Amino acid sequence: MPTIRDVVRALATRDGVDAVIVLGRDGLTIDASARDGMDTDGLAALVPAVVAACGRLGSAASRGDFTFGAMEYGGGMALVVSLSPEALLAIFIQPNVSIGALLYELHRHRSAIAGLL
């Protein structure tokens, strides 16, 4: 049976993925893999504030709880997935990378990934 570490490593080996972080809602890293010396603990500490803001936006717009977010920046993308009430998944992707298959897989396997925690 795969572990959360196996999932993190598999996601990290995808083309264009710079970092994969599984973190608690408190911003503490559970597991991570990164290229080019990215500060995964520093990034993990920032993600809960983004999720909280997205949650407030969802509530104000009557859209319900936050489950998934994609942010695009000049230097790439950040995907954030709510795995459970206690855990999040953040993936940082290089610019100009097709993410369609990754989005589908994350949506399809989110509950299975959460079950590994």
N, C-alpha and C. Protein backbone atom coordinates (compact mmCIF):
# COMPACT_ATOMS: atom_id res chain seq x y z
N MET A 1 0.85 -1.18 0.00
CA MET A 1 0.00 0.00 0.00
C MET A 1 0.89 1.24 0.00
N PRO A 2 0.57 2.22 -0.85
CA PRO A 2 1.39 3.42 -0.90
C PRO A 2 1.23 4.27 0.37
N THR A 3 2.21 5.08 0.63
CA THR A 3 2.18 6.00 1.76
C THR A 3 2.03 7.42 1.23
N ILE A 4 1.81 8.37 2.11
CA ILE A 4 1.73 9.76 1.70
C ILE A 4 3.07 10.20 1.11
N ARG A 5 4.16 9.67 1.62
CA ARG A 5 5.48 9.98 1.08
C ARG A 5 5.60 9.51 -0.37
N ASP A 6 5.05 8.34 -0.67
CA ASP A 6 5.06 7.83 -2.05
C ASP A 6 4.29 8.76 -2.99
N VAL A 7 3.15 9.26 -2.52
CA VAL A 7 2.33 10.15 -3.33
C VAL A 7 3.07 11.47 -3.57
N VAL A 8 3.67 12.01 -2.51
CA VAL A 8 4.43 13.26 -2.64
C VAL A 8 5.55 13.08 -3.65
N ARG A 9 6.29 12.00 -3.54
CA ARG A 9 7.41 11.76 -4.47
C ARG A 9 6.93 11.58 -5.90
N ALA A 10 5.82 10.86 -6.08
CA ALA A 10 5.28 10.65 -7.42
C ALA A 10 4.84 11.98 -8.05
N LEU A 11 4.16 12.81 -7.27
CA LEU A 11 3.74 14.11 -7.80
C LEU A 11 4.95 14.99 -8.11
N ALA A 12 5.97 14.90 -7.28
CA ALA A 12 7.16 15.74 -7.45
C ALA A 12 7.96 15.37 -8.70
N THR A 13 7.80 14.16 -9.20
CA THR A 13 8.56 13.75 -10.38
C THR A 13 7.87 14.13 -11.69
N ARG A 14 6.67 14.68 -11.60
CA ARG A 14 5.95 15.10 -12.82
C ARG A 14 6.69 16.27 -13.46
N ASP A 15 6.65 16.33 -14.76
CA ASP A 15 7.29 17.42 -15.50
C ASP A 15 6.73 18.76 -15.04
N GLY A 16 7.63 19.68 -14.75
CA GLY A 16 7.24 21.04 -14.41
C GLY A 16 6.88 21.27 -12.96
N VAL A 17 6.89 20.25 -12.13
CA VAL A 17 6.55 20.42 -10.71
C VAL A 17 7.82 20.80 -9.95
N ASP A 18 7.77 21.96 -9.28
CA ASP A 18 8.90 22.42 -8.49
C ASP A 18 8.83 21.96 -7.04
N ALA A 19 7.62 21.87 -6.49
CA ALA A 19 7.49 21.47 -5.09
C ALA A 19 6.12 20.88 -4.83
N VAL A 20 6.08 19.92 -3.92
CA VAL A 20 4.85 19.30 -3.44
C VAL A 20 4.93 19.31 -1.92
N ILE A 21 3.90 19.83 -1.28
CA ILE A 21 3.90 19.93 0.18
C ILE A 21 2.57 19.43 0.72
N VAL A 22 2.61 18.49 1.63
CA VAL A 22 1.43 18.12 2.41
C VAL A 22 1.63 18.79 3.76
N LEU A 23 0.63 19.54 4.19
CA LEU A 23 0.77 20.32 5.41
C LEU A 23 -0.49 20.29 6.23
N GLY A 24 -0.31 20.57 7.50
CA GLY A 24 -1.46 20.70 8.39
C GLY A 24 -2.09 22.06 8.22
N ARG A 25 -3.31 22.21 8.68
CA ARG A 25 -3.99 23.50 8.60
C ARG A 25 -3.30 24.56 9.46
N ASP A 26 -2.37 24.12 10.30
CA ASP A 26 -1.59 25.04 11.12
C ASP A 26 -0.36 25.56 10.38
N GLY A 27 -0.13 25.07 9.16
CA GLY A 27 1.01 25.53 8.37
C GLY A 27 2.28 24.73 8.58
N LEU A 28 2.21 23.66 9.34
CA LEU A 28 3.39 22.82 9.57
C LEU A 28 3.45 21.72 8.52
N THR A 29 4.65 21.50 7.99
CA THR A 29 4.86 20.51 6.94
C THR A 29 4.70 19.10 7.49
N ILE A 30 3.93 18.28 6.80
CA ILE A 30 3.81 16.86 7.10
C ILE A 30 4.80 16.08 6.26
N ASP A 31 4.87 16.39 4.97
CA ASP A 31 5.86 15.81 4.06
C ASP A 31 6.02 16.77 2.89
N ALA A 32 7.19 16.76 2.28
CA ALA A 32 7.44 17.67 1.17
C ALA A 32 8.57 17.16 0.30
N SER A 33 8.54 17.61 -0.93
CA SER A 33 9.63 17.36 -1.87
C SER A 33 9.74 18.61 -2.74
N ALA A 34 10.96 19.09 -2.94
CA ALA A 34 11.14 20.31 -3.72
C ALA A 34 12.42 20.25 -4.54
N ARG A 35 12.38 20.97 -5.65
CA ARG A 35 13.56 21.15 -6.49
C ARG A 35 14.15 22.53 -6.22
N ASP A 36 15.38 22.69 -6.59
CA ASP A 36 16.04 24.00 -6.57
C ASP A 36 16.02 24.69 -5.22
N GLY A 37 16.05 23.93 -4.15
CA GLY A 37 16.16 24.51 -2.82
C GLY A 37 15.00 25.38 -2.37
N MET A 38 13.81 25.13 -2.86
CA MET A 38 12.65 25.90 -2.41
C MET A 38 12.44 25.66 -0.91
N ASP A 39 12.03 26.69 -0.21
CA ASP A 39 11.80 26.62 1.23
C ASP A 39 10.39 26.08 1.49
N THR A 40 10.27 24.76 1.56
CA THR A 40 8.94 24.16 1.72
C THR A 40 8.29 24.52 3.05
N ASP A 41 9.08 24.64 4.11
CA ASP A 41 8.49 25.02 5.40
C ASP A 41 7.95 26.45 5.36
N GLY A 42 8.69 27.34 4.71
CA GLY A 42 8.23 28.72 4.57
C GLY A 42 6.97 28.82 3.74
N LEU A 43 6.94 28.07 2.64
CA LEU A 43 5.74 28.05 1.80
C LEU A 43 4.55 27.47 2.56
N ALA A 44 4.78 26.36 3.27
CA ALA A 44 3.70 25.72 4.03
C ALA A 44 3.11 26.69 5.06
N ALA A 45 3.95 27.50 5.65
CA ALA A 45 3.46 28.46 6.65
C ALA A 45 2.52 29.50 6.05
N LEU A 46 2.65 29.79 4.75
CA LEU A 46 1.81 30.79 4.10
C LEU A 46 0.48 30.25 3.59
N VAL A 47 0.42 28.97 3.31
CA VAL A 47 -0.77 28.39 2.66
C VAL A 47 -2.05 28.52 3.50
N PRO A 48 -2.05 28.29 4.81
CA PRO A 48 -3.31 28.40 5.56
C PRO A 48 -3.97 29.77 5.46
N ALA A 49 -3.20 30.83 5.38
CA ALA A 49 -3.79 32.17 5.25
C ALA A 49 -4.50 32.31 3.90
N VAL A 50 -3.92 31.74 2.85
CA VAL A 50 -4.55 31.77 1.53
C VAL A 50 -5.86 30.98 1.57
N VAL A 51 -5.81 29.81 2.18
CA VAL A 51 -7.02 28.97 2.28
C VAL A 51 -8.10 29.66 3.11
N ALA A 52 -7.70 30.31 4.18
CA ALA A 52 -8.68 31.03 5.00
C ALA A 52 -9.35 32.15 4.20
N ALA A 53 -8.56 32.90 3.43
CA ALA A 53 -9.14 33.96 2.61
C ALA A 53 -10.07 33.39 1.55
N CYS A 54 -9.67 32.28 0.94
CA CYS A 54 -10.53 31.63 -0.06
C CYS A 54 -11.82 31.12 0.58
N GLY A 55 -11.72 30.64 1.81
CA GLY A 55 -12.91 30.18 2.53
C GLY A 55 -13.88 31.32 2.80
N ARG A 56 -13.34 32.47 3.19
CA ARG A 56 -14.20 33.64 3.42
C ARG A 56 -14.87 34.09 2.12
N LEU A 57 -14.12 34.07 1.03
CA LEU A 57 -14.67 34.43 -0.27
C LEU A 57 -15.79 33.47 -0.66
N GLY A 58 -15.55 32.17 -0.47
CA GLY A 58 -16.57 31.17 -0.78
C GLY A 58 -17.83 31.36 0.04
N SER A 59 -17.66 31.68 1.31
CA SER A 59 -18.83 31.92 2.17
C SER A 59 -19.59 33.16 1.72
N ALA A 60 -18.86 34.23 1.44
CA ALA A 60 -19.51 35.48 1.02
C ALA A 60 -20.26 35.31 -0.29
N ALA A 61 -19.77 34.44 -1.15
CA ALA A 61 -20.40 34.21 -2.45
C ALA A 61 -21.36 33.02 -2.42
N SER A 62 -21.63 32.50 -1.23
CA SER A 62 -22.52 31.34 -1.06
C SER A 62 -22.07 30.15 -1.89
N ARG A 63 -20.77 29.86 -1.86
CA ARG A 63 -20.21 28.75 -2.63
C ARG A 63 -19.78 27.58 -1.74
N GLY A 64 -19.87 27.73 -0.45
CA GLY A 64 -19.52 26.64 0.46
C GLY A 64 -18.06 26.65 0.85
N ASP A 65 -17.61 25.52 1.36
CA ASP A 65 -16.25 25.39 1.87
C ASP A 65 -15.23 25.35 0.74
N PHE A 66 -14.03 25.81 1.03
CA PHE A 66 -12.92 25.74 0.09
C PHE A 66 -12.51 24.28 -0.10
N THR A 67 -12.32 23.86 -1.35
CA THR A 67 -11.86 22.50 -1.62
C THR A 67 -10.63 22.47 -2.53
N PHE A 68 -10.52 23.45 -3.44
CA PHE A 68 -9.44 23.43 -4.41
C PHE A 68 -9.21 24.84 -4.95
N GLY A 69 -7.95 25.21 -5.12
CA GLY A 69 -7.65 26.52 -5.69
C GLY A 69 -6.45 26.45 -6.60
N ALA A 70 -6.48 27.24 -7.67
CA ALA A 70 -5.36 27.36 -8.59
C ALA A 70 -5.04 28.84 -8.74
N MET A 71 -3.79 29.20 -8.46
CA MET A 71 -3.36 30.58 -8.59
C MET A 71 -2.24 30.63 -9.62
N GLU A 72 -2.36 31.58 -10.53
CA GLU A 72 -1.33 31.72 -11.56
C GLU A 72 -0.55 33.01 -11.31
N TYR A 73 0.77 32.88 -11.38
CA TYR A 73 1.69 33.99 -11.18
C TYR A 73 2.58 34.12 -12.41
N GLY A 74 3.33 35.18 -12.48
CA GLY A 74 4.23 35.37 -13.60
C GLY A 74 5.26 34.26 -13.72
N GLY A 75 5.62 33.66 -12.61
CA GLY A 75 6.64 32.62 -12.60
C GLY A 75 6.12 31.21 -12.42
N GLY A 76 4.82 31.00 -12.62
CA GLY A 76 4.27 29.66 -12.50
C GLY A 76 2.94 29.65 -11.77
N MET A 77 2.57 28.45 -11.35
CA MET A 77 1.27 28.27 -10.69
C MET A 77 1.42 27.64 -9.32
N ALA A 78 0.40 27.85 -8.49
CA ALA A 78 0.28 27.18 -7.21
C ALA A 78 -1.10 26.54 -7.15
N LEU A 79 -1.14 25.26 -6.84
CA LEU A 79 -2.40 24.55 -6.65
C LEU A 79 -2.50 24.21 -5.17
N VAL A 80 -3.67 24.41 -4.59
CA VAL A 80 -3.90 24.07 -3.19
C VAL A 80 -5.16 23.22 -3.12
N VAL A 81 -5.05 22.08 -2.47
CA VAL A 81 -6.15 21.13 -2.36
C VAL A 81 -6.44 20.86 -0.89
N SER A 82 -7.69 20.94 -0.52
CA SER A 82 -8.11 20.56 0.82
C SER A 82 -8.26 19.05 0.84
N LEU A 83 -7.41 18.37 1.62
CA LEU A 83 -7.48 16.92 1.72
C LEU A 83 -8.43 16.47 2.81
N SER A 84 -8.46 17.22 3.90
CA SER A 84 -9.30 16.87 5.05
C SER A 84 -9.42 18.12 5.92
N PRO A 85 -10.21 18.04 7.00
CA PRO A 85 -10.28 19.20 7.90
C PRO A 85 -8.93 19.53 8.55
N GLU A 86 -8.00 18.59 8.52
CA GLU A 86 -6.70 18.80 9.15
C GLU A 86 -5.55 19.02 8.18
N ALA A 87 -5.71 18.69 6.89
CA ALA A 87 -4.56 18.68 5.99
C ALA A 87 -4.85 19.31 4.63
N LEU A 88 -3.79 19.86 4.06
CA LEU A 88 -3.83 20.48 2.74
C LEU A 88 -2.68 19.93 1.89
N LEU A 89 -2.82 20.07 0.59
CA LEU A 89 -1.79 19.71 -0.36
C LEU A 89 -1.51 20.94 -1.21
N ALA A 90 -0.24 21.33 -1.32
CA ALA A 90 0.15 22.46 -2.16
C ALA A 90 1.16 21.97 -3.19
N ILE A 91 0.95 22.37 -4.44
CA ILE A 91 1.84 21.98 -5.53
C ILE A 91 2.23 23.24 -6.28
N PHE A 92 3.52 23.43 -6.48
CA PHE A 92 4.04 24.61 -7.18
C PHE A 92 4.61 24.16 -8.52
N ILE A 93 4.12 24.80 -9.59
CA ILE A 93 4.38 24.34 -10.95
C ILE A 93 5.03 25.46 -11.76
N GLN A 94 5.97 25.08 -12.60
CA GLN A 94 6.66 26.03 -13.47
C GLN A 94 5.68 26.63 -14.48
N PRO A 95 6.04 27.79 -15.06
CA PRO A 95 5.15 28.39 -16.06
C PRO A 95 5.10 27.56 -17.34
N ASN A 96 4.03 27.75 -18.08
CA ASN A 96 3.83 27.12 -19.39
C ASN A 96 3.81 25.59 -19.34
N VAL A 97 3.31 25.05 -18.25
CA VAL A 97 3.17 23.60 -18.11
C VAL A 97 1.68 23.28 -18.16
N SER A 98 1.30 22.31 -18.96
CA SER A 98 -0.09 21.89 -19.03
C SER A 98 -0.45 21.14 -17.75
N ILE A 99 -1.51 21.59 -17.09
CA ILE A 99 -1.87 20.97 -15.81
C ILE A 99 -3.19 20.21 -15.87
N GLY A 100 -3.77 20.06 -17.04
CA GLY A 100 -5.07 19.41 -17.17
C GLY A 100 -5.12 18.02 -16.57
N ALA A 101 -4.16 17.18 -16.91
CA ALA A 101 -4.14 15.80 -16.40
C ALA A 101 -3.94 15.80 -14.88
N LEU A 102 -3.07 16.68 -14.39
CA LEU A 102 -2.82 16.76 -12.95
C LEU A 102 -4.09 17.19 -12.22
N LEU A 103 -4.80 18.17 -12.73
CA LEU A 103 -6.05 18.61 -12.10
C LEU A 103 -7.06 17.48 -12.04
N TYR A 104 -7.19 16.74 -13.13
CA TYR A 104 -8.11 15.60 -13.16
C TYR A 104 -7.73 14.56 -12.11
N GLU A 105 -6.44 14.22 -12.05
CA GLU A 105 -5.99 13.20 -11.11
C GLU A 105 -6.17 13.65 -9.66
N LEU A 106 -5.89 14.90 -9.37
CA LEU A 106 -6.09 15.41 -8.01
C LEU A 106 -7.55 15.35 -7.62
N HIS A 107 -8.42 15.75 -8.54
CA HIS A 107 -9.85 15.71 -8.25
C HIS A 107 -10.32 14.27 -8.05
N ARG A 108 -9.88 13.39 -8.91
CA ARG A 108 -10.31 11.99 -8.87
C ARG A 108 -9.78 11.24 -7.64
N HIS A 109 -8.55 11.53 -7.23
CA HIS A 109 -7.89 10.76 -6.17
C HIS A 109 -7.76 11.50 -4.85
N ARG A 110 -8.42 12.64 -4.72
CA ARG A 110 -8.28 13.43 -3.49
C ARG A 110 -8.63 12.64 -2.24
N SER A 111 -9.72 11.91 -2.25
CA SER A 111 -10.11 11.16 -1.05
C SER A 111 -9.14 10.02 -0.76
N ALA A 112 -8.59 9.39 -1.80
CA ALA A 112 -7.62 8.33 -1.58
C ALA A 112 -6.33 8.88 -0.99
N ILE A 113 -5.91 10.05 -1.46
CA ILE A 113 -4.71 10.69 -0.91
C ILE A 113 -4.96 11.05 0.56
N ALA A 114 -6.12 11.61 0.83
CA ALA A 114 -6.47 11.98 2.21
C ALA A 114 -6.47 10.75 3.12
N GLY A 115 -6.89 9.61 2.59
CA GLY A 115 -6.92 8.38 3.38
C GLY A 115 -5.56 7.87 3.81
N LEU A 116 -4.52 8.37 3.16
CA LEU A 116 -3.15 7.95 3.52
C LEU A 116 -2.60 8.73 4.71
N LEU A 117 -3.29 9.79 5.10
CA LEU A 117 -2.79 10.61 6.22
C LEU A 117 -3.11 9.99 7.56
